[in-house]
PDB file of N, CA and C in Angstrom:
ATOM      1  N   MET A   1     -51.842  21.553-109.690  1.00  0.00           N
ATOM      2  CA  MET A   1     -52.599  20.444-110.387  1.00  0.00           C
ATOM      3  C   MET A   1     -53.377  19.534-109.266  1.00  0.00           C
ATOM      4  N   VAL A   2     -54.604  19.245-109.566  1.00  0.00           N
ATOM      5  CA  VAL A   2     -55.358  18.456-108.575  1.00  0.00           C
ATOM      6  C   VAL A   2     -55.114  16.992-108.926  1.00  0.00           C
ATOM      7  N   LYS A   3     -54.932  16.005-107.999  1.00  0.00           N
ATOM      8  CA  LYS A   3     -54.724  14.669-108.195  1.00  0.00           C
ATOM      9  C   LYS A   3     -56.225  14.027-108.617  1.00  0.00           C
ATOM     10  N   LYS A   4     -55.997  13.376-109.729  1.00  0.00           N
ATOM     11  CA  LYS A   4     -57.450  12.893-110.366  1.00  0.00           C
ATOM     12  C   LYS A   4     -57.611  11.516-109.668  1.00  0.00           C
ATOM     13  N   LYS A   5     -58.892  11.171-109.581  1.00  0.00           N
ATOM     14  CA  LYS A   5     -59.248   9.960-108.899  1.00  0.00           C
ATOM     15  C   LYS A   5     -60.483   9.238-109.460  1.00  0.00           C
ATOM     16  N   THR A   6     -60.775   7.972-109.017  1.00  0.00           N
ATOM     17  CA  THR A   6     -61.913   7.408-109.655  1.00  0.00           C
ATOM     18  C   THR A   6     -63.174   7.704-108.774  1.00  0.00           C
ATOM     19  N   ARG A   7     -64.277   7.877-109.296  1.00  0.00           N
ATOM     20  CA  ARG A   7     -65.562   8.167-108.671  1.00  0.00           C
ATOM     21  C   ARG A   7     -66.383   6.821-108.814  1.00  0.00           C
ATOM     22  N   GLU A   8     -66.803   6.310-107.708  1.00  0.00           N
ATOM     23  CA  GLU A   8     -67.580   5.078-107.785  1.00  0.00           C
ATOM     24  C   GLU A   8     -68.962   5.413-107.457  1.00  0.00           C
ATOM     25  N   ILE A   9     -69.928   4.894-108.164  1.00  0.00           N
ATOM     26  CA  ILE A   9     -71.385   5.013-107.998  1.00  0.00           C
ATOM     27  C   ILE A   9     -71.980   3.610-108.027  1.00  0.00           C
ATOM     28  N   THR A  10     -72.697   3.212-106.948  1.00  0.00           N
ATOM     29  CA  THR A  10     -73.263   1.863-107.041  1.00  0.00           C
ATOM     30  C   THR A  10     -74.766   2.010-106.988  1.00  0.00           C
ATOM     31  N   ILE A  11     -75.467   1.316-107.966  1.00  0.00           N
ATOM     32  CA  ILE A  11     -76.879   1.225-107.999  1.00  0.00           C
ATOM     33  C   ILE A  11     -77.364  -0.099-107.557  1.00  0.00           C
ATOM     34  N   LYS A  12     -78.197  -0.196-106.529  1.00  0.00           N
ATOM     35  CA  LYS A  12     -78.519  -1.509-106.042  1.00  0.00           C
ATOM     36  C   LYS A  12     -80.052  -1.568-106.174  1.00  0.00           C
ATOM     37  N   GLU A  13     -80.504  -2.913-106.642  1.00  0.00           N
ATOM     38  CA  GLU A  13     -82.036  -3.017-106.518  1.00  0.00           C
ATOM     39  C   GLU A  13     -82.415  -3.714-105.170  1.00  0.00           C
ATOM     40  N   SER A  14     -83.512  -3.086-104.751  1.00  0.00           N
ATOM     41  CA  SER A  14     -84.060  -3.459-103.431  1.00  0.00           C
ATOM     42  C   SER A  14     -85.693  -3.267-103.358  1.00  0.00           C
ATOM     43  N   LYS A  15     -86.216  -4.467-103.367  1.00  0.00           N
ATOM     44  CA  LYS A  15     -87.697  -4.646-103.285  1.00  0.00           C
ATOM     45  C   LYS A  15     -88.433  -3.866-104.548  1.00  0.00           C
ATOM     46  N   GLY A  16     -87.817  -4.077-105.625  1.00  0.00           N
ATOM     47  CA  GLY A  16     -88.304  -3.564-107.047  1.00  0.00           C
ATOM     48  C   GLY A  16     -88.100  -2.134-107.316  1.00  0.00           C
ATOM     49  N   THR A  17     -87.007  -1.337-106.527  1.00  0.00           N
ATOM     50  CA  THR A  17     -86.635  -0.059-106.972  1.00  0.00           C
ATOM     51  C   THR A  17     -85.247  -0.032-106.835  1.00  0.00           C
ATOM     52  N   PHE A  18     -84.628   0.884-107.412  1.00  0.00           N
ATOM     53  CA  PHE A  18     -83.118   1.162-107.503  1.00  0.00           C
ATOM     54  C   PHE A  18     -82.839   2.164-106.604  1.00  0.00           C
ATOM     55  N   SER A  19     -81.672   1.941-105.603  1.00  0.00           N
ATOM     56  CA  SER A  19     -81.281   2.895-104.856  1.00  0.00           C
ATOM     57  C   SER A  19     -79.728   3.207-105.188  1.00  0.00           C
ATOM     58  N   ILE A  20     -79.373   4.407-105.132  1.00  0.00           N
ATOM     59  CA  ILE A  20     -77.997   4.675-105.498  1.00  0.00           C
ATOM     60  C   ILE A  20     -77.260   5.352-104.292  1.00  0.00           C
ATOM     61  N   PHE A  21     -75.995   4.965-104.202  1.00  0.00           N
ATOM     62  CA  PHE A  21     -75.014   5.358-103.013  1.00  0.00           C
ATOM     63  C   PHE A  21     -73.685   5.308-103.664  1.00  0.00           C
ATOM     64  N   LYS A  22     -72.799   5.896-102.867  1.00  0.00           N
ATOM     65  CA  LYS A  22     -71.394   5.773-103.162  1.00  0.00           C
ATOM     66  C   LYS A  22     -70.534   4.955-102.156  1.00  0.00           C
ATOM     67  N   LYS A  23     -69.425   4.615-102.473  1.00  0.00           N
ATOM     68  CA  LYS A  23     -68.839   3.716-101.593  1.00  0.00           C
ATOM     69  C   LYS A  23     -67.611   4.709-100.921  1.00  0.00           C
ATOM     70  N   SER A  24     -66.548   4.132-100.234  1.00  0.00           N
ATOM     71  CA  SER A  24     -65.596   4.899 -99.796  1.00  0.00           C
ATOM     72  C   SER A  24     -65.727   5.537 -98.390  1.00  0.00           C
ATOM     73  N   GLY A  25     -66.913   5.133 -97.837  1.00  0.00           N
ATOM     74  CA  GLY A  25     -67.124   5.584 -96.451  1.00  0.00           C
ATOM     75  C   GLY A  25     -67.636   7.000 -96.270  1.00  0.00           C
ATOM     76  N   ILE A  26     -67.878   7.588 -97.435  1.00  0.00           N
ATOM     77  CA  ILE A  26     -68.460   8.926 -97.495  1.00  0.00           C
ATOM     78  C   ILE A  26     -69.853   8.970 -97.229  1.00  0.00           C
ATOM     79  N   SER A  27     -70.515   9.937 -96.594  1.00  0.00           N
ATOM     80  CA  SER A  27     -71.965   9.876 -96.266  1.00  0.00           C
ATOM     81  C   SER A  27     -72.944   9.847 -97.369  1.00  0.00           C
ATOM     82  N   LYS A  28     -73.928   9.121 -97.210  1.00  0.00           N
ATOM     83  CA  LYS A  28     -74.790   8.804 -98.297  1.00  0.00           C
ATOM     84  C   LYS A  28     -75.498  10.059 -98.685  1.00  0.00           C
ATOM     85  N   LYS A  29     -75.570  11.068 -97.779  1.00  0.00           N
ATOM     86  CA  LYS A  29     -76.387  12.336 -98.065  1.00  0.00           C
ATOM     87  C   LYS A  29     -75.627  13.164 -99.182  1.00  0.00           C
ATOM     88  N   ASP A  30     -74.357  12.833 -99.394  1.00  0.00           N
ATOM     89  CA  ASP A  30     -73.637  13.430-100.508  1.00  0.00           C
ATOM     90  C   ASP A  30     -74.241  13.122-101.708  1.00  0.00           C
ATOM     91  N   TYR A  31     -74.747  11.778-101.937  1.00  0.00           N
ATOM     92  CA  TYR A  31     -75.251  11.371-103.157  1.00  0.00           C
ATOM     93  C   TYR A  31     -76.815  11.174-102.844  1.00  0.00           C
ATOM     94  N   ASP A  32     -77.548  12.007-102.913  1.00  0.00           N
ATOM     95  CA  ASP A  32     -78.945  11.942-102.494  1.00  0.00           C
ATOM     96  C   ASP A  32     -79.827  11.732-103.895  1.00  0.00           C
ATOM     97  N   PHE A  33     -79.312  10.850-104.670  1.00  0.00           N
ATOM     98  CA  PHE A  33     -80.024  10.486-105.814  1.00  0.00           C
ATOM     99  C   PHE A  33     -81.378   9.932-105.505  1.00  0.00           C
ATOM    100  N   SER A  34     -82.561  10.144-106.327  1.00  0.00           N
ATOM    101  CA  SER A  34     -83.749   9.475-105.913  1.00  0.00           C
ATOM    102  C   SER A  34     -84.113   8.291-106.826  1.00  0.00           C
ATOM    103  N   GLY A  35     -83.064   8.059-107.798  1.00  0.00           N
ATOM    104  CA  GLY A  35     -83.301   6.941-108.545  1.00  0.00           C
ATOM    105  C   GLY A  35     -82.331   7.072-109.785  1.00  0.00           C
ATOM    106  N   VAL A  36     -82.688   6.069-110.673  1.00  0.00           N
ATOM    107  CA  VAL A  36     -81.663   6.004-111.945  1.00  0.00           C
ATOM    108  C   VAL A  36     -81.952   7.213-112.733  1.00  0.00           C
ATOM    109  N   LEU A  37     -83.152   7.718-112.778  1.00  0.00           N
ATOM    110  CA  LEU A  37     -83.394   9.001-113.525  1.00  0.00           C
ATOM    111  C   LEU A  37     -82.341  10.235-113.245  1.00  0.00           C
ATOM    112  N   ALA A  38     -82.287  10.284-111.706  1.00  0.00           N
ATOM    113  CA  ALA A  38     -81.248  11.256-111.289  1.00  0.00           C
ATOM    114  C   ALA A  38     -79.818  11.065-111.914  1.00  0.00           C
ATOM    115  N   LEU A  39     -79.384   9.674-111.825  1.00  0.00           N
ATOM    116  CA  LEU A  39     -78.227   9.425-112.223  1.00  0.00           C
ATOM    117  C   LEU A  39     -77.918   9.628-113.646  1.00  0.00           C
ATOM    118  N   ARG A  40     -79.191   9.528-114.533  1.00  0.00           N
ATOM    119  CA  ARG A  40     -79.180   9.752-115.971  1.00  0.00           C
ATOM    120  C   ARG A  40     -79.040  11.267-116.202  1.00  0.00           C
ATOM    121  N   GLN A  41     -79.671  11.960-115.284  1.00  0.00           N
ATOM    122  CA  GLN A  41     -79.679  13.571-115.493  1.00  0.00           C
ATOM    123  C   GLN A  41     -78.197  14.000-115.100  1.00  0.00           C
ATOM    124  N   LEU A  42     -77.618  13.455-114.202  1.00  0.00           N
ATOM    125  CA  LEU A  42     -76.138  13.864-113.750  1.00  0.00           C
ATOM    126  C   LEU A  42     -75.216  13.465-114.904  1.00  0.00           C
ATOM    127  N   LEU A  43     -75.454  12.287-115.575  1.00  0.00           N
ATOM    128  CA  LEU A  43     -74.636  11.854-116.696  1.00  0.00           C
ATOM    129  C   LEU A  43     -75.182  12.151-118.200  1.00  0.00           C
ATOM    130  N   SER A  44     -75.861  13.302-118.238  1.00  0.00           N
ATOM    131  CA  SER A  44     -76.471  13.697-119.412  1.00  0.00           C
ATOM    132  C   SER A  44     -75.480  14.018-120.502  1.00  0.00           C
ATOM    133  N   ASN A  45     -75.988  14.287-121.740  1.00  0.00           N
ATOM    134  CA  ASN A  45     -75.110  14.611-122.859  1.00  0.00           C
ATOM    135  C   ASN A  45     -74.545  16.067-122.637  1.00  0.00           C
ATOM    136  N   GLU A  46     -75.222  16.900-122.113  1.00  0.00           N
ATOM    137  CA  GLU A  46     -74.846  18.319-121.787  1.00  0.00           C
ATOM    138  C   GLU A  46     -73.776  18.380-120.840  1.00  0.00           C
ATOM    139  N   LYS A  47     -73.807  17.452-119.611  1.00  0.00           N
ATOM    140  CA  LYS A  47     -72.750  17.397-118.744  1.00  0.00           C
ATOM    141  C   LYS A  47     -71.699  16.755-119.421  1.00  0.00           C
ATOM    142  N   ALA A  48     -71.773  15.776-120.316  1.00  0.00           N
ATOM    143  CA  ALA A  48     -70.613  15.177-121.022  1.00  0.00           C
ATOM    144  C   ALA A  48     -69.970  16.248-121.769  1.00  0.00           C
ATOM    145  N   ARG A  49     -70.660  17.161-122.462  1.00  0.00           N
ATOM    146  CA  ARG A  49     -69.972  18.241-123.138  1.00  0.00           C
ATOM    147  C   ARG A  49     -69.261  19.189-122.437  1.00  0.00           C
ATOM    148  N   ILE A  50     -69.889  19.378-121.279  1.00  0.00           N
ATOM    149  CA  ILE A  50     -69.108  20.340-120.312  1.00  0.00           C
ATOM    150  C   ILE A  50     -67.762  19.762-119.794  1.00  0.00           C
ATOM    151  N   LEU A  51     -67.821  18.381-119.564  1.00  0.00           N
ATOM    152  CA  LEU A  51     -66.497  17.674-119.065  1.00  0.00           C
ATOM    153  C   LEU A  51     -65.504  17.636-120.235  1.00  0.00           C
ATOM    154  N   HIS A  52     -66.097  17.426-121.442  1.00  0.00           N
ATOM    155  CA  HIS A  52     -65.218  17.278-122.523  1.00  0.00           C
ATOM    156  C   HIS A  52     -64.398  18.737-122.962  1.00  0.00           C
ATOM    157  N   THR A  53     -65.332  19.622-122.833  1.00  0.00           N
ATOM    158  CA  THR A  53     -64.755  20.983-123.049  1.00  0.00           C
ATOM    159  C   THR A  53     -63.811  21.511-122.157  1.00  0.00           C
ATOM    160  N   ILE A  54     -64.141  21.284-120.875  1.00  0.00           N
ATOM    161  CA  ILE A  54     -63.058  21.582-119.696  1.00  0.00           C
ATOM    162  C   ILE A  54     -61.912  20.759-120.086  1.00  0.00           C
ATOM    163  N   LYS A  55     -61.867  19.508-120.384  1.00  0.00           N
ATOM    164  CA  LYS A  55     -60.711  18.787-120.549  1.00  0.00           C
ATOM    165  C   LYS A  55     -59.836  19.195-121.846  1.00  0.00           C
ATOM    166  N   THR A  56     -60.623  19.535-122.910  1.00  0.00           N
ATOM    167  CA  THR A  56     -59.782  19.852-124.137  1.00  0.00           C
ATOM    168  C   THR A  56     -59.656  21.230-124.524  1.00  0.00           C
ATOM    169  N   GLN A  57     -60.348  22.223-124.060  1.00  0.00           N
ATOM    170  CA  GLN A  57     -60.222  23.506-124.319  1.00  0.00           C
ATOM    171  C   GLN A  57     -59.954  24.304-123.066  1.00  0.00           C
ATOM    172  N   ASN A  58     -59.913  23.937-121.971  1.00  0.00           N
ATOM    173  CA  ASN A  58     -59.242  24.571-120.791  1.00  0.00           C
ATOM    174  C   ASN A  58     -59.692  25.993-120.644  1.00  0.00           C
ATOM    175  N   PRO A  59     -61.100  25.969-120.423  1.00  0.00           N
ATOM    176  CA  PRO A  59     -61.686  27.365-120.163  1.00  0.00           C
ATOM    177  C   PRO A  59     -61.254  28.191-118.934  1.00  0.00           C
ATOM    178  N   LYS A  60     -61.179  29.426-118.949  1.00  0.00           N
ATOM    179  CA  LYS A  60     -60.517  30.158-118.004  1.00  0.00           C
ATOM    180  C   LYS A  60     -61.532  30.549-116.875  1.00  0.00           C
ATOM    181  N   SER A  61     -62.757  30.430-117.203  1.00  0.00           N
ATOM    182  CA  SER A  61     -63.887  30.781-116.265  1.00  0.00           C
ATOM    183  C   SER A  61     -65.241  29.934-116.600  1.00  0.00           C
ATOM    184  N   ILE A  62     -66.195  30.128-115.780  1.00  0.00           N
ATOM    185  CA  ILE A  62     -67.349  29.601-116.059  1.00  0.00           C
ATOM    186  C   ILE A  62     -67.935  30.189-117.261  1.00  0.00           C
ATOM    187  N   TYR A  63     -67.891  31.656-117.246  1.00  0.00           N
ATOM    188  CA  TYR A  63     -68.501  32.365-118.391  1.00  0.00           C
ATOM    189  C   TYR A  63     -67.814  32.064-119.739  1.00  0.00           C
ATOM    190  N   ASP A  64     -66.558  31.858-119.637  1.00  0.00           N
ATOM    191  CA  ASP A  64     -65.734  31.393-120.771  1.00  0.00           C
ATOM    192  C   ASP A  64     -66.192  29.934-121.204  1.00  0.00           C
ATOM    193  N   LEU A  65     -66.532  29.151-120.286  1.00  0.00           N
ATOM    194  CA  LEU A  65     -66.995  27.862-120.727  1.00  0.00           C
ATOM    195  C   LEU A  65     -68.334  27.909-121.357  1.00  0.00           C
ATOM    196  N   ALA A  66     -69.275  28.715-120.927  1.00  0.00           N
ATOM    197  CA  ALA A  66     -70.554  29.068-121.403  1.00  0.00           C
ATOM    198  C   ALA A  66     -70.388  29.602-122.877  1.00  0.00           C
ATOM    199  N   LYS A  67     -69.430  30.389-123.080  1.00  0.00           N
ATOM    200  CA  LYS A  67     -69.319  30.919-124.582  1.00  0.00           C
ATOM    201  C   LYS A  67     -68.680  29.817-125.421  1.00  0.00           C
ATOM    202  N   LYS A  68     -67.885  28.992-124.961  1.00  0.00           N
ATOM    203  CA  LYS A  68     -67.343  27.878-125.775  1.00  0.00           C
ATOM    204  C   LYS A  68     -68.487  26.759-126.166  1.00  0.00           C
ATOM    205  N   LEU A  69     -69.470  26.767-125.231  1.00  0.00           N
ATOM    206  CA  LEU A  69     -70.582  25.783-125.429  1.00  0.00           C
ATOM    207  C   LEU A  69     -71.692  26.279-126.037  1.00  0.00           C
ATOM    208  N   ASN A  70     -71.558  27.666-126.257  1.00  0.00           N
ATOM    209  CA  ASN A  70     -72.809  28.384-126.880  1.00  0.00           C
ATOM    210  C   ASN A  70     -74.121  28.176-126.108  1.00  0.00           C
ATOM    211  N   ARG A  71     -73.940  28.183-124.808  1.00  0.00           N
ATOM    212  CA  ARG A  71     -74.993  27.970-123.989  1.00  0.00           C
ATOM    213  C   ARG A  71     -75.050  29.251-122.964  1.00  0.00           C
ATOM    214  N   GLY A  72     -76.179  29.434-122.196  1.00  0.00           N
ATOM    215  CA  GLY A  72     -76.456  30.542-121.329  1.00  0.00           C
ATOM    216  C   GLY A  72     -75.583  30.358-120.108  1.00  0.00           C
ATOM    217  N   PHE A  73     -75.212  31.349-119.632  1.00  0.00           N
ATOM    218  CA  PHE A  73     -74.305  31.291-118.415  1.00  0.00           C
ATOM    219  C   PHE A  73     -75.047  30.518-117.186  1.00  0.00           C
ATOM    220  N   LYS A  74     -76.267  30.933-116.881  1.00  0.00           N
ATOM    221  CA  LYS A  74     -76.971  30.356-115.809  1.00  0.00           C
ATOM    222  C   LYS A  74     -77.089  28.895-115.953  1.00  0.00           C
ATOM    223  N   SER A  75     -77.534  28.392-117.114  1.00  0.00           N
ATOM    224  CA  SER A  75     -77.591  26.955-117.341  1.00  0.00           C
ATOM    225  C   SER A  75     -76.254  26.250-117.053  1.00  0.00           C
ATOM    226  N   VAL A  76     -75.284  26.754-117.615  1.00  0.00           N
ATOM    227  CA  VAL A  76     -73.826  26.155-117.404  1.00  0.00           C
ATOM    228  C   VAL A  76     -73.538  26.237-115.954  1.00  0.00           C
ATOM    229  N   ASN A  77     -73.707  27.300-115.397  1.00  0.00           N
ATOM    230  CA  ASN A  77     -73.377  27.415-113.891  1.00  0.00           C
ATOM    231  C   ASN A  77     -74.164  26.432-113.171  1.00  0.00           C
ATOM    232  N   ASP A  78     -75.371  26.183-113.374  1.00  0.00           N
ATOM    233  CA  ASP A  78     -76.106  25.077-112.637  1.00  0.00           C
ATOM    234  C   ASP A  78     -75.651  23.981-112.849  1.00  0.00           C
ATOM    235  N   ASP A  79     -75.220  23.461-114.027  1.00  0.00           N
ATOM    236  CA  ASP A  79     -74.556  22.264-114.341  1.00  0.00           C
ATOM    237  C   ASP A  79     -73.195  21.971-113.690  1.00  0.00           C
ATOM    238  N   ILE A  80     -72.542  23.173-113.689  1.00  0.00           N
ATOM    239  CA  ILE A  80     -71.185  23.043-113.091  1.00  0.00           C
ATOM    240  C   ILE A  80     -71.316  22.783-111.554  1.00  0.00           C
ATOM    241  N   LYS A  81     -72.232  23.445-110.981  1.00  0.00           N
ATOM    242  CA  LYS A  81     -72.425  23.293-109.558  1.00  0.00           C
ATOM    243  C   LYS A  81     -72.772  21.835-109.099  1.00  0.00           C
ATOM    244  N   LEU A  82     -73.648  21.257-109.999  1.00  0.00           N
ATOM    245  CA  LEU A  82     -74.029  19.871-109.887  1.00  0.00           C
ATOM    246  C   LEU A  82     -72.866  18.988-110.071  1.00  0.00           C
ATOM    247  N   LEU A  83     -72.148  19.117-111.025  1.00  0.00           N
ATOM    248  CA  LEU A  83     -70.812  18.391-111.344  1.00  0.00           C
ATOM    249  C   LEU A  83     -69.757  18.546-110.101  1.00  0.00           C
ATOM    250  N   GLU A  84     -69.902  19.736-109.523  1.00  0.00           N
ATOM    251  CA  GLU A  84     -68.764  19.956-108.367  1.00  0.00           C
ATOM    252  C   GLU A  84     -69.298  19.210-107.209  1.00  0.00           C
ATOM    253  N   ARG A  85     -70.733  19.406-107.033  1.00  0.00           N
ATOM    254  CA  ARG A  85     -71.303  18.690-105.784  1.00  0.00           C
ATOM    255  C   ARG A  85     -70.936  17.256-105.705  1.00  0.00           C
ATOM    256  N   PHE A  86     -70.961  16.480-106.864  1.00  0.00           N
ATOM    257  CA  PHE A  86     -70.697  15.141-106.969  1.00  0.00           C
ATOM    258  C   PHE A  86     -69.157  14.792-107.143  1.00  0.00           C
ATOM    259  N   GLY A  87     -68.299  15.753-107.000  1.00  0.00           N
ATOM    260  CA  GLY A  87     -67.115  15.580-107.058  1.00  0.00           C
ATOM    261  C   GLY A  87     -66.357  15.167-108.440  1.00  0.00           C
ATOM    262  N   PHE A  88     -66.930  15.731-109.592  1.00  0.00           N
ATOM    263  CA  PHE A  88     -66.450  15.447-110.877  1.00  0.00           C
ATOM    264  C   PHE A  88     -65.297  16.608-111.108  1.00  0.00           C
ATOM    265  N   ILE A  89     -65.823  17.802-110.761  1.00  0.00           N
ATOM    266  CA  ILE A  89     -64.819  18.983-111.084  1.00  0.00           C
ATOM    267  C   ILE A  89     -64.633  19.738-109.755  1.00  0.00           C
ATOM    268  N   GLU A  90     -63.825  20.654-109.826  1.00  0.00           N
ATOM    269  CA  GLU A  90     -63.399  21.620-108.682  1.00  0.00           C
ATOM    270  C   GLU A  90     -63.242  22.950-109.459  1.00  0.00           C
ATOM    271  N   LEU A  91     -63.704  24.016-108.625  1.00  0.00           N
ATOM    272  CA  LEU A  91     -63.645  25.306-109.025  1.00  0.00           C
ATOM    273  C   LEU A  91     -62.433  26.029-108.377  1.00  0.00           C
ATOM    274  N   ILE A  92     -61.614  26.396-109.186  1.00  0.00           N
ATOM    275  CA  ILE A  92     -60.255  27.091-108.723  1.00  0.00           C
ATOM    276  C   ILE A  92     -60.427  28.539-108.740  1.00  0.00           C
ATOM    277  N   GLU A  93     -60.315  29.272-107.663  1.00  0.00           N
ATOM    278  CA  GLU A  93     -60.360  30.633-107.471  1.00  0.00           C
ATOM    279  C   GLU A  93     -59.109  31.329-108.091  1.00  0.00           C
ATOM    280  N   GLU A  94     -59.282  32.297-109.059  1.00  0.00           N
ATOM    281  CA  GLU A  94     -58.215  32.995-109.627  1.00  0.00           C
ATOM    282  C   GLU A  94     -58.549  34.619-109.539  1.00  0.00           C
ATOM    283  N   LYS A  95     -57.666  35.233-108.995  1.00  0.00           N
ATOM    284  CA  LYS A  95     -57.787  36.692-108.934  1.00  0.00           C
ATOM    285  C   LYS A  95     -57.159  37.365-110.224  1.00  0.00           C
ATOM    286  N   THR A  96     -58.115  38.130-110.893  1.00  0.00           N
ATOM    287  CA  THR A  96     -57.567  38.826-112.159  1.00  0.00           C
ATOM    288  C   THR A  96     -58.042  40.385-111.742  1.00  0.00           C
ATOM    289  N   LYS A  97     -57.046  41.189-111.797  1.00  0.00           N
ATOM    290  CA  LYS A  97     -57.453  42.646-111.646  1.00  0.00           C
ATOM    291  C   LYS A  97     -58.299  42.852-110.241  1.00  0.00           C
ATOM    292  N   ASN A  98     -59.393  43.266-110.347  1.00  0.00           N
ATOM    293  CA  ASN A  98     -60.356  43.558-109.194  1.00  0.00           C
ATOM    294  C   ASN A  98     -61.366  42.299-109.095  1.00  0.00           C
ATOM    295  N   ARG A  99     -61.334  41.409-109.873  1.00  0.00           N
ATOM    296  CA  ARG A  99     -62.298  40.413-109.949  1.00  0.00           C
ATOM    297  C   ARG A  99     -61.711  38.925-109.610  1.00  0.00           C
ATOM    298  N   ILE A 100     -62.653  38.009-109.051  1.00  0.00           N
ATOM    299  CA  ILE A 100     -62.321  36.770-108.897  1.00  0.00           C
ATOM    300  C   ILE A 100     -63.104  35.869-109.801  1.00  0.00           C
ATOM    301  N   ARG A 101     -62.423  35.116-110.462  1.00  0.00           N
ATOM    302  CA  ARG A 101     -63.250  34.141-111.324  1.00  0.00           C
ATOM    303  C   ARG A 101     -62.831  32.773-110.879  1.00  0.00           C
ATOM    304  N   HIS A 102     -63.719  31.846-111.256  1.00  0.00           N
ATOM    305  CA  HIS A 102     -63.759  30.432-110.943  1.00  0.00           C
ATOM    306  C   HIS A 102     -63.487  29.586-112.101  1.00  0.00           C
ATOM    307  N   LYS A 103     -62.306  28.913-112.035  1.00  0.00           N
ATOM    308  CA  LYS A 103     -61.933  28.151-113.231  1.00  0.00           C
ATOM    309  C   LYS A 103     -62.086  26.740-113.083  1.00  0.00           C
ATOM    310  N   PRO A 104     -63.008  26.074-114.035  1.00  0.00           N
ATOM    311  CA  PRO A 104     -63.536  24.774-113.723  1.00  0.00           C
ATOM    312  C   PRO A 104     -62.283  23.802-114.088  1.00  0.00           C
ATOM    313  N   GLU A 105     -62.018  22.732-113.179  1.00  0.00           N
ATOM    314  CA  GLU A 105     -61.044  21.818-113.427  1.00  0.00           C
ATOM    315  C   GLU A 105     -61.662  20.369-113.111  1.00  0.00           C
ATOM    316  N   ILE A 106     -61.332  19.456-114.058  1.00  0.00           N
ATOM    317  CA  ILE A 106     -61.827  18.164-113.813  1.00  0.00           C
ATOM    318  C   ILE A 106     -60.825  17.454-112.824  1.00  0.00           C
ATOM    319  N   ILE A 107     -61.466  16.741-111.814  1.00  0.00           N
ATOM    320  CA  ILE A 107     -60.532  16.055-110.729  1.00  0.00           C
ATOM    321  C   ILE A 107     -60.768  14.540-110.785  1.00  0.00           C
ATOM    322  N   VAL A 108     -61.560  14.160-111.625  1.00  0.00           N
ATOM    323  CA  VAL A 108     -61.698  12.593-111.731  1.00  0.00           C
ATOM    324  C   VAL A 108     -61.292  12.208-113.096  1.00  0.00           C
ATOM    325  N   ASP A 109     -60.643  11.163-113.301  1.00  0.00           N
ATOM    326  CA  ASP A 109     -60.288  10.441-114.601  1.00  0.00           C
ATOM    327  C   ASP A 109     -61.112   9.221-114.879  1.00  0.00           C
ATOM    328  N   THR A 110     -61.756   8.704-113.938  1.00  0.00           N
ATOM    329  CA  THR A 110     -62.688   7.560-114.259  1.00  0.00           C
ATOM    330  C   THR A 110     -63.936   7.660-113.355  1.00  0.00           C
ATOM    331  N   ILE A 111     -65.084   7.376-113.968  1.00  0.00           N
ATOM    332  CA  ILE A 111     -66.396   7.094-113.203  1.00  0.00           C
ATOM    333  C   ILE A 111     -66.763   5.695-113.526  1.00  0.00           C
ATOM    334  N   THR A 112     -66.883   5.007-112.439  1.00  0.00           N
ATOM    335  CA  THR A 112     -67.220   3.526-112.446  1.00  0.00           C
ATOM    336  C   THR A 112     -68.685   3.434-111.767  1.00  0.00           C
ATOM    337  N   ILE A 113     -69.504   2.778-112.467  1.00  0.00           N
ATOM    338  CA  ILE A 113     -70.982   2.571-112.043  1.00  0.00           C
ATOM    339  C   ILE A 113     -71.058   1.056-111.957  1.00  0.00           C
ATOM    340  N   HIS A 114     -71.612   0.624-110.818  1.00  0.00           N
ATOM    341  CA  HIS A 114     -71.822  -0.794-110.341  1.00  0.00           C
ATOM    342  C   HIS A 114     -73.289  -0.898-110.455  1.00  0.00           C
ATOM    343  N   LEU A 115     -73.900  -1.932-110.933  1.00  0.00           N
ATOM    344  CA  LEU A 115     -75.291  -2.185-111.004  1.00  0.00           C
ATOM    345  C   LEU A 115     -75.458  -3.628-110.213  1.00  0.00           C
ATOM    346  N   LYS A 116     -76.175  -3.542-109.038  1.00  0.00           N
ATOM    347  CA  LYS A 116     -76.338  -4.865-108.228  1.00  0.00           C
ATOM    348  C   LYS A 116     -77.734  -5.265-108.498  1.00  0.00           C
ATOM    349  N   VAL A 117     -78.053  -6.369-109.081  1.00  0.00           N
ATOM    350  CA  VAL A 117     -79.381  -6.796-109.156  1.00  0.00           C
ATOM    351  C   VAL A 117     -79.787  -7.800-108.059  1.00  0.00           C
TER     352      VAL A 117
END
């Protein structure tokens, strides 16, 4: 079991635009948001459905998750890769017979968004 943690995202107004970065001394390139729109896309309803389904239905693989969501594998896989990139989930490799599947697991329990104007 992976220890869950809080993910912090800060939105800062600077010269009439918003820039987004994260704290904890981790490189800004990990969060290369181009603005609030990118944050909105990251926290879209579809991504919320994915997180909820992972949490409540414990899918065995990305394919299983796509079936539970009634969505195409490629679109779910793309969303999963984005959520993994920003540290919301982790893909756990499991070997079954001659195949390796990637089981999605949530690794955060809180997302905090700070808006500095």
